[in-house]
Each structure stands twice: as C-alpha cells, then as structure tokens.
Amino acid sequence: MEIIPEEKGGRLVIRLAGRFDAEGAKAVAGALDRALAAGHHAVELEMGGVDYLSSAGMKVLILYHRKFSQLRGQFFLSSVNDRIGRILEITGLYSLLEISPGREAEPGVRRVPCDGWSFSLDETEGGAALPVTVVRAGEGGTILPFPPTLTAFGNGALGYDAADCAGRYGPFLAVGGFAACRLAQGDEAPDYVEYAEAEIPRLHVQDGIGLAGGFVRKAMFNGGTAPPAVDVLVQALLEAAGLPAAGFIIAAEYRRTGDGETGPSGCGDTAPGLLLAAGVAGTGSMPDPVRVLLFPRIPSAGPASHVYAAFFPYSPLRQRGPVRLKETAATLFTGDLLEIACLADTEKRPGPGAIRLLRGIIWFAPIREP
C-alpha cells in the first residue's frame, strides 16, 4: 500500500494506492494515528488508487470514522472507483463515510496569529468577572469543597481529617468537580477524587487560590511551528481579549522540550501527552488590589502568573463542536493520572519550564477581588 499525505484546504488528504487488505489496513491505521497525533481532525482518504478492499480494510474505516466522530472531526472518502463503491454501498459504509468536506468559519470567532502559532478567540460570549479567594491556612490546612463550579490550585492534600493529611501536603489541582494531589516527597502516585456531597476524602489546603463561577469565554489554539509555553499563550490571550487579569483552565496536547524539570517523570523530552491546567495571570496593567492579592511578593508592574497542571497519557483531544469543561475533565480523568506539578510561579521562579503546548482549548474569565 502506497500512502502519501498532503495538507490541502484546511484538511489532510491521504492518497492511497494498492490493496486495502490486512497489510494495507495496518499501514492506513498507522497513517491515521499519526494524523490524529499531529492534530489533524479533518482527514480525506483519496481512494483513486485502491483496487481491492477486504474486511480488514472496512474494519479500519469503521474504527476511524468512530474516532473522528468522537472528536467532532471529519473523516471521508473521495475518488472511490465503482467496484469499491459497490462494496461500500452493499455493506452500508458508503453513506456513513461520504460526508461533505466543506466547513464554514464559525461566526463570532477571531483568528489571532502569533509568532509561529495561533489561536481562535470566541468573542460571542460575555460574563461576569470571577471572584478570587486566596487561602493561607498554614500547617493545619483548611477544608475546601470542590464542586464543578470551583477551580482551585496550590498546596494541599486529600484525607479524612487534618491528622490524616499531616506530612502529605503537595501540589493540588481542582477542576470540573475533580481534585487531584500528590505528595511533596515520596514515591506514591498522585491521587484524585470526584466531588460528592459527603466530600470523603476531603481536600485540605495549606495555601492556594480559588476561583468560583463559570469560565464563559473560550479560545482554541494550535501550536503550529513554534508551540508556546503556558505563560506565552496566556499573555497573548489577555492582550487579544483586552483583559488586565484573568483566571483560566487549559486542556491541551503537549510536548516536552530541552532539559526542563516540569512535567511527568519518565515522559522523556519528546513524548507527547495531555494536561489539564488552571491558573491566574495578569499583565502590566493588572489592578493593584488584584496584584497585591495574588502576587504580593512581586514589586514590579510586569506580567505575572500562577499555573498548576495534571498530566495524563497522550490521546487525541476533542476540540471541535461544543466542548464543555466538565466533560473534558471527566474524559481526561478516565486515563492514568501521571503527575501534578506547578508549571509557573512568577514569585518563585521564572517561566513554565520545558512544557510546550501543541494544541487545545482554554476557558477563561476576568477576575476580581472577592
């Protein structure tokens, strides 16, 4: 089987030539997996050179049609000869896969090009600013409920009571009704729980930041040829949206580069993965009360950020259609939780290390004092 991929008109065209038998099916499946890993959610299989289609080939077509549908993507065939077309029609696959490749630009979305990457900013949604709460509870910790309406991050532990949490405090992230923590030291894997009214185990927080309410604005981003770091993405978004300060949640496919220390151990420098991050950030025009509340140890008026993230094994991230935060968080937590880490803390160290964002979604909202 000869396979030639080519980007064309906003989609990936994969030209096939040869027998779509068991061996050809393996090769096509590999090409489609690579397309998904590269962020192509609109793929055309150009079948003009295919002269044979077996059950193994049809199985691949069904499997990847399902995968692209789950991502709200597009997967269709073109240039199908009469013989293959009759097979698809008899098996019911022709109507399943023959869909229109056209896709109109969504109204109210502004594409913002950056230095080698870009994002699409949805400008149709508004909403009130989120009140921000800063927790400074000290060694004993304070119990923090984490329903889906609360986003929080910092230093905490999961346990039944303060005694159970003693010596266990480490980075934590609470997003979409899930709370995840890891020990500051030790070999135990990070753990997480989903919110329930009983809150058992509870989330105990020593210090952290909480944001209550809905992140009603959204942007989709593509890392292009120069995938951005988290702080670069967020500062570009604040500038484009005209916000001096904002809270945000990011779901993204990422890759590590260089020798940075952040990110899950054992991933290597090039292995892709998924992350779910939350944070707050401000520009040089951030209001002084918000700056003092969130970044009390920064005397300058420059940009600042706090960001924490949970890391998961790689799988294609759904970005098309109505992508909701709670559903995205629930999908990510069905995978293995690899690590919880601080990606950016302007007060303690510069920059977010070696994490580069390949593509994903960012939900955000302006923040205000409580």
Protein backbone atom coordinates (compact mmCIF):
# COMPACT_ATOMS: atom_id res chain seq x y z
CA MET A 1 0.00 0.00 0.00
CA GLU A 2 1.38 3.39 -1.03
CA ILE A 3 0.39 6.23 1.33
CA ILE A 4 1.04 9.90 0.52
CA PRO A 5 -0.23 12.57 2.98
CA GLU A 6 -0.70 16.19 1.88
CA GLU A 7 -2.32 19.16 3.60
CA LYS A 8 -4.94 20.81 1.45
CA GLY A 9 -7.64 23.39 2.16
CA GLY A 10 -7.61 23.02 5.94
CA ARG A 11 -7.65 19.22 5.91
CA LEU A 12 -5.18 16.36 5.49
CA VAL A 13 -5.54 14.40 2.25
CA ILE A 14 -4.07 10.88 2.42
CA ARG A 15 -3.71 9.37 -1.05
CA LEU A 16 -3.83 5.58 -1.13
CA ALA A 17 -2.72 3.24 -3.88
CA GLY A 18 -2.68 -0.55 -3.78
CA ARG A 19 -4.56 -3.28 -1.97
CA PHE A 20 -6.56 -2.31 1.12
CA ASP A 21 -6.11 -5.79 2.61
CA ALA A 22 -4.85 -6.81 6.07
CA GLU A 23 -1.36 -5.42 5.47
CA GLY A 24 -2.72 -2.29 3.84
CA ALA A 25 -5.16 -1.82 6.72
CA LYS A 26 -2.27 -1.79 9.21
CA ALA A 27 -0.46 0.84 7.16
CA VAL A 28 -3.55 3.04 6.80
CA ALA A 29 -4.32 2.74 10.51
CA GLY A 30 -0.79 3.87 11.29
CA ALA A 31 -1.13 6.87 8.96
CA LEU A 32 -4.45 7.85 10.58
CA ASP A 33 -2.96 7.53 14.07
CA ARG A 34 -0.12 9.83 13.05
CA ALA A 35 -2.64 12.29 11.61
CA LEU A 36 -4.57 12.41 14.86
CA ALA A 37 -1.39 12.79 16.89
CA ALA A 38 -0.43 15.74 14.68
CA GLY A 39 -3.77 17.42 15.40
CA HIS A 40 -5.50 16.74 12.06
CA HIS A 41 -9.20 16.32 12.82
CA ALA A 42 -10.32 16.63 9.18
CA VAL A 43 -8.94 13.81 7.01
CA GLU A 44 -9.79 12.74 3.46
CA LEU A 45 -8.80 9.30 2.21
CA GLU A 46 -8.23 9.69 -1.54
CA MET A 47 -9.04 6.16 -2.79
CA GLY A 48 -8.46 6.56 -6.54
CA GLY A 49 -5.53 4.14 -6.49
CA VAL A 50 -7.21 1.46 -4.33
CA ASP A 51 -8.27 -1.59 -6.37
CA TYR A 52 -9.13 -4.03 -3.55
CA LEU A 53 -10.93 -3.65 -0.20
CA SER A 54 -11.14 -6.52 2.30
CA SER A 55 -12.99 -6.91 5.59
CA ALA A 56 -9.83 -5.78 7.40
CA GLY A 57 -9.89 -2.53 5.42
CA MET A 58 -13.59 -1.98 6.14
CA LYS A 59 -12.90 -2.54 9.86
CA VAL A 60 -10.31 0.27 9.77
CA LEU A 61 -12.79 2.60 8.05
CA ILE A 62 -15.44 1.92 10.69
CA LEU A 63 -12.98 2.30 13.59
CA TYR A 64 -11.55 5.63 12.46
CA HIS A 65 -14.92 7.03 11.44
CA ARG A 66 -15.90 6.45 15.09
CA LYS A 67 -12.70 8.07 16.40
CA PHE A 68 -13.10 11.18 14.26
CA SER A 69 -16.80 11.43 15.16
CA GLN A 70 -15.94 11.40 18.87
CA LEU A 71 -13.62 14.35 18.21
CA ARG A 72 -16.34 16.14 16.20
CA GLY A 73 -13.95 15.90 13.28
CA GLN A 74 -14.34 14.86 9.64
CA PHE A 75 -13.35 11.58 8.02
CA PHE A 76 -14.46 10.81 4.48
CA LEU A 77 -13.51 9.07 1.25
CA SER A 78 -13.01 10.51 -2.21
CA SER A 79 -12.27 9.21 -5.73
CA VAL A 80 -13.77 5.81 -4.92
CA ASN A 81 -13.99 3.57 -8.03
CA ASP A 82 -17.19 1.75 -8.96
CA ARG A 83 -16.05 -1.62 -7.63
CA ILE A 84 -15.12 -0.28 -4.19
CA GLY A 85 -18.20 1.95 -4.20
CA ARG A 86 -20.49 -1.08 -4.68
CA ILE A 87 -18.80 -2.84 -1.74
CA LEU A 88 -19.33 0.21 0.47
CA GLU A 89 -22.94 0.53 -0.65
CA ILE A 90 -23.74 -3.13 0.00
CA THR A 91 -22.17 -3.02 3.49
CA GLY A 92 -23.82 0.32 4.39
CA LEU A 93 -20.50 2.13 4.69
CA TYR A 94 -20.84 4.39 1.66
CA SER A 95 -23.46 6.67 3.18
CA LEU A 96 -21.66 6.55 6.54
CA LEU A 97 -18.38 7.89 5.15
CA GLU A 98 -19.46 10.10 2.28
CA ILE A 99 -19.74 13.49 4.04
CA SER A 100 -19.09 16.99 2.85
CA PRO A 101 -15.52 18.24 3.36
CA GLY A 102 -16.61 21.89 3.46
CA ARG A 103 -16.55 23.71 6.78
CA GLU A 104 -17.58 27.31 7.17
CA ALA A 105 -15.89 29.59 9.65
CA GLU A 106 -17.79 29.87 12.91
CA PRO A 107 -19.45 33.25 13.48
CA GLY A 108 -18.04 35.43 16.25
CA VAL A 109 -14.62 33.76 16.18
CA ARG A 110 -11.50 35.84 15.54
CA ARG A 111 -8.27 34.14 14.49
CA VAL A 112 -5.22 35.69 16.14
CA PRO A 113 -1.84 34.85 14.54
CA CYS A 114 1.18 34.84 16.82
CA ASP A 115 4.88 34.04 16.31
CA GLY A 116 4.64 30.63 14.63
CA TRP A 117 1.36 29.65 16.29
CA SER A 118 -2.22 30.95 16.50
CA PHE A 119 -5.46 30.83 18.42
CA SER A 120 -9.12 31.40 17.61
CA LEU A 121 -10.84 33.65 20.13
CA ASP A 122 -14.58 33.26 20.62
CA GLU A 123 -15.89 36.79 21.05
CA THR A 124 -19.61 35.97 21.19
CA GLU A 125 -19.69 35.12 24.89
CA GLY A 126 -19.57 37.51 27.83
CA GLY A 127 -19.94 37.06 31.56
CA ALA A 128 -19.19 38.48 34.96
CA ALA A 129 -15.72 38.52 36.49
CA LEU A 130 -14.86 35.62 38.80
CA PRO A 131 -14.23 36.37 42.47
CA VAL A 132 -10.82 35.10 43.57
CA THR A 133 -10.08 33.69 47.02
CA VAL A 134 -6.61 33.21 48.46
CA VAL A 135 -6.18 30.51 51.13
CA ARG A 136 -3.29 30.89 53.61
CA ALA A 137 -4.18 28.30 56.22
CA GLY A 138 -0.72 27.24 57.37
CA GLU A 139 0.28 23.77 58.57
CA GLY A 140 -3.16 22.58 59.70
CA GLY A 141 -4.88 23.23 56.40
CA THR A 142 -8.46 24.27 55.74
CA ILE A 143 -11.17 22.14 54.13
CA LEU A 144 -12.08 23.36 50.65
CA PRO A 145 -15.16 21.91 48.88
CA PHE A 146 -14.51 21.45 45.15
CA PRO A 147 -17.80 21.23 43.20
CA PRO A 148 -17.61 21.74 39.42
CA THR A 149 -18.20 25.47 39.93
CA LEU A 150 -14.91 25.88 41.83
CA THR A 151 -11.43 25.88 40.32
CA ALA A 152 -8.53 25.83 42.77
CA PHE A 153 -4.81 25.03 42.89
CA GLY A 154 -1.87 25.28 45.25
CA ASN A 155 -0.57 23.14 48.11
CA GLY A 156 -2.95 20.62 49.65
CA ALA A 157 -3.77 17.00 50.45
CA LEU A 158 -6.64 14.53 50.22
CA GLY A 159 -7.60 12.93 53.52
CA TYR A 160 -10.32 12.36 56.08
CA ASP A 161 -9.07 14.93 58.58
CA ALA A 162 -6.09 17.14 59.41
CA ALA A 163 -4.26 14.29 61.16
CA ASP A 164 -4.64 12.07 58.11
CA CYS A 165 -3.17 14.84 55.89
CA ALA A 166 -0.18 15.61 58.12
CA GLY A 167 3.04 15.24 56.16
CA ARG A 168 1.16 14.62 52.91
CA TYR A 169 0.77 18.14 51.53
CA GLY A 170 1.88 18.71 47.95
CA PRO A 171 0.70 20.31 44.69
CA PHE A 172 -3.04 20.03 44.09
CA LEU A 173 -5.46 20.93 41.30
CA ALA A 174 -9.27 21.04 41.48
CA VAL A 175 -11.09 21.41 38.14
CA GLY A 176 -14.51 20.38 36.87
CA GLY A 177 -15.51 18.54 40.03
CA PHE A 178 -12.24 16.59 40.36
CA ALA A 179 -9.48 17.20 42.90
CA ALA A 180 -6.01 15.72 42.35
CA CYS A 181 -2.99 15.82 44.70
CA ARG A 182 0.47 14.38 45.05
CA LEU A 183 2.91 14.18 47.91
CA ALA A 184 5.60 16.83 48.04
CA GLN A 185 8.08 13.99 48.55
CA GLY A 186 7.85 10.23 48.28
CA ASP A 187 7.18 7.52 45.71
CA GLU A 188 3.39 7.37 45.98
CA ALA A 189 1.50 8.04 42.76
CA PRO A 190 -0.72 11.13 42.61
CA ASP A 191 -4.32 10.51 43.62
CA TYR A 192 -7.66 12.10 42.77
CA VAL A 193 -11.30 12.03 43.83
CA GLU A 194 -14.52 13.17 42.19
CA TYR A 195 -16.69 15.61 44.14
CA ALA A 196 -19.58 14.28 46.20
CA GLU A 197 -21.75 16.00 48.76
CA ALA A 198 -20.13 13.95 51.53
CA GLU A 199 -16.66 15.11 50.40
CA ILE A 200 -14.91 11.99 51.67
CA PRO A 201 -11.99 12.14 51.44
CA ARG A 202 -11.80 15.91 51.79
CA LEU A 203 -9.48 18.40 50.15
CA HIS A 204 -7.33 20.11 52.81
CA VAL A 205 -5.50 23.22 51.58
CA GLN A 206 -2.46 24.87 53.19
CA ASP A 207 -2.17 27.62 50.63
CA GLY A 208 -3.87 28.10 47.32
CA ILE A 209 -6.06 30.16 45.02
CA GLY A 210 -9.73 29.52 44.32
CA LEU A 211 -12.00 30.84 41.55
CA ALA A 212 -15.77 30.44 41.89
CA GLY A 213 -18.05 30.55 38.88
CA GLY A 214 -18.13 29.75 35.19
CA PHE A 215 -15.36 30.31 32.64
CA VAL A 216 -17.69 31.57 29.93
CA ARG A 217 -15.14 32.64 27.30
CA LYS A 218 -13.14 30.20 25.23
CA ALA A 219 -10.28 30.07 22.74
CA MET A 220 -8.89 27.23 20.66
CA PHE A 221 -5.15 27.27 19.94
CA ASN A 222 -2.74 25.49 17.62
CA GLY A 223 0.97 25.46 18.40
CA GLY A 224 1.95 25.46 14.72
CA THR A 225 5.69 25.52 14.07
CA ALA A 226 6.57 27.16 17.40
CA PRO A 227 4.39 25.70 20.19
CA PRO A 228 4.09 28.24 23.01
CA ALA A 229 4.79 27.83 26.70
CA VAL A 230 1.85 28.32 29.03
CA ASP A 231 2.77 31.86 30.08
CA VAL A 232 3.28 32.92 26.44
CA LEU A 233 -0.14 31.57 25.48
CA VAL A 234 -1.90 33.24 28.40
CA GLN A 235 -0.25 36.63 27.96
CA ALA A 236 -1.13 36.64 24.23
CA LEU A 237 -4.72 35.74 25.10
CA LEU A 238 -5.02 38.51 27.71
CA GLU A 239 -3.69 41.04 25.21
CA ALA A 240 -6.08 39.91 22.45
CA ALA A 241 -9.07 39.86 24.81
CA GLY A 242 -8.17 43.20 26.38
CA LEU A 243 -8.06 41.81 29.93
CA PRO A 244 -5.59 43.04 32.58
CA ALA A 245 -6.04 39.86 34.66
CA ALA A 246 -7.86 36.55 34.23
CA GLY A 247 -8.37 33.09 35.61
CA PHE A 248 -8.15 30.23 33.13
CA ILE A 249 -8.28 26.49 32.54
CA ILE A 250 -6.32 24.79 29.76
CA ALA A 251 -6.86 21.33 28.26
CA ALA A 252 -4.07 20.60 25.80
CA GLU A 253 -1.87 18.17 23.98
CA TYR A 254 1.70 18.99 24.95
CA ARG A 255 5.30 18.01 24.37
CA ARG A 256 8.39 18.44 26.48
CA THR A 257 11.49 20.08 25.01
CA GLY A 258 15.00 20.58 26.32
CA ASP A 259 16.05 19.73 29.85
CA GLY A 260 13.28 21.39 31.85
CA GLU A 261 12.26 19.82 35.14
CA THR A 262 8.50 20.26 34.90
CA GLY A 263 6.16 17.60 33.62
CA PRO A 264 5.60 13.95 34.48
CA SER A 265 8.66 11.87 35.22
CA GLY A 266 9.60 9.29 32.63
CA CYS A 267 7.97 11.08 29.70
CA GLY A 268 11.26 11.93 28.03
CA ASP A 269 11.98 15.07 26.07
CA THR A 270 9.81 14.33 23.04
CA ALA A 271 6.89 12.17 24.21
CA PRO A 272 3.54 13.90 23.78
CA GLY A 273 0.86 13.84 26.46
CA LEU A 274 -2.25 15.56 27.75
CA LEU A 275 -2.51 18.14 30.50
CA LEU A 276 -5.27 19.90 32.37
CA ALA A 277 -4.04 23.15 33.89
CA ALA A 278 -5.54 26.01 35.88
CA GLY A 279 -4.13 29.35 36.87
CA VAL A 280 -4.33 33.09 37.20
CA ALA A 281 -2.34 35.64 35.24
CA GLY A 282 -2.08 39.38 34.89
CA THR A 283 -0.46 41.89 32.60
CA GLY A 284 1.44 45.06 33.44
CA SER A 285 -1.91 46.86 33.69
CA MET A 286 -3.30 44.49 36.33
CA PRO A 287 -5.18 46.47 39.03
CA ASP A 288 -3.05 46.94 42.14
CA PRO A 289 -5.55 45.29 44.54
CA VAL A 290 -5.61 42.13 42.40
CA ARG A 291 -1.81 42.14 42.05
CA VAL A 292 -1.29 42.51 45.81
CA LEU A 293 -3.84 39.76 46.49
CA LEU A 294 -2.41 37.23 44.05
CA PHE A 295 1.24 38.23 43.74
CA PRO A 296 2.17 40.02 46.98
CA ARG A 297 5.91 39.42 46.60
CA ILE A 298 6.24 40.94 43.11
CA PRO A 299 7.17 44.63 43.35
CA SER A 300 7.23 45.32 39.60
CA ALA A 301 4.26 46.00 37.33
CA GLY A 302 5.18 43.31 34.78
CA PRO A 303 3.24 40.18 33.82
CA ALA A 304 2.74 37.52 36.49
CA SER A 305 1.18 34.05 36.70
CA HIS A 306 0.46 31.02 38.89
CA VAL A 307 -0.27 27.77 36.99
CA TYR A 308 -0.72 24.17 38.19
CA ALA A 309 -1.33 21.15 35.95
CA ALA A 310 -2.32 17.49 35.98
CA PHE A 311 -0.65 15.26 33.37
CA PHE A 312 -2.14 12.26 31.53
CA PRO A 313 -1.02 9.83 28.78
CA TYR A 314 -1.49 11.03 25.23
CA SER A 315 -4.68 10.60 23.23
CA PRO A 316 -6.24 12.98 20.69
CA LEU A 317 -8.06 15.80 22.43
CA ARG A 318 -11.52 16.68 21.18
CA GLN A 319 -11.61 20.30 20.04
CA ARG A 320 -14.48 20.58 17.56
CA GLY A 321 -18.13 21.16 18.32
CA PRO A 322 -19.48 22.09 21.75
CA VAL A 323 -16.54 21.28 24.03
CA ARG A 324 -17.56 21.56 27.69
CA LEU A 325 -15.15 21.86 30.59
CA LYS A 326 -16.73 19.30 32.92
CA GLU A 327 -16.98 16.67 30.18
CA THR A 328 -13.38 17.32 29.14
CA ALA A 329 -12.15 16.95 32.73
CA ALA A 330 -14.14 13.73 33.18
CA THR A 331 -12.68 12.31 29.96
CA LEU A 332 -9.11 13.14 31.00
CA PHE A 333 -9.51 11.58 34.43
CA THR A 334 -10.59 8.28 32.87
CA GLY A 335 -6.92 7.96 31.87
CA ASP A 336 -3.99 7.38 34.19
CA LEU A 337 -3.07 10.39 36.31
CA LEU A 338 0.71 10.67 35.92
CA GLU A 339 1.67 13.77 37.85
CA ILE A 340 0.58 17.05 39.45
CA ALA A 341 3.06 19.91 39.09
CA CYS A 342 3.46 23.66 39.31
CA LEU A 343 4.08 24.94 35.78
CA ALA A 344 4.56 28.62 36.52
CA ASP A 345 5.01 30.60 39.71
CA THR A 346 6.30 34.10 38.98
CA GLU A 347 7.02 34.71 42.65
CA LYS A 348 9.39 31.77 42.97
CA ARG A 349 10.97 31.07 39.60
CA PRO A 350 10.77 32.41 36.03
CA GLY A 351 8.88 30.71 33.23
CA PRO A 352 6.99 27.43 32.96
CA GLY A 353 9.94 25.15 32.20
CA ALA A 354 10.02 22.89 29.17
CA ILE A 355 6.32 22.29 28.51
CA ARG A 356 5.18 23.38 25.04
CA LEU A 357 1.51 23.34 24.06
CA LEU A 358 0.75 21.67 20.72
CA ARG A 359 -2.99 22.37 20.55
CA GLY A 360 -6.00 22.63 22.82
CA ILE A 361 -8.68 24.73 24.48
CA ILE A 362 -8.51 27.49 27.06
CA TRP A 363 -11.52 28.64 29.07
CA PHE A 364 -11.05 31.99 30.77
CA ALA A 365 -12.75 34.89 32.55
CA PRO A 366 -11.70 38.18 34.12
CA ILE A 367 -11.07 38.08 37.87
CA ARG A 368 -11.90 40.49 40.65
CA GLU A 369 -11.49 40.85 44.37
CA PRO A 370 -14.00 38.87 46.47
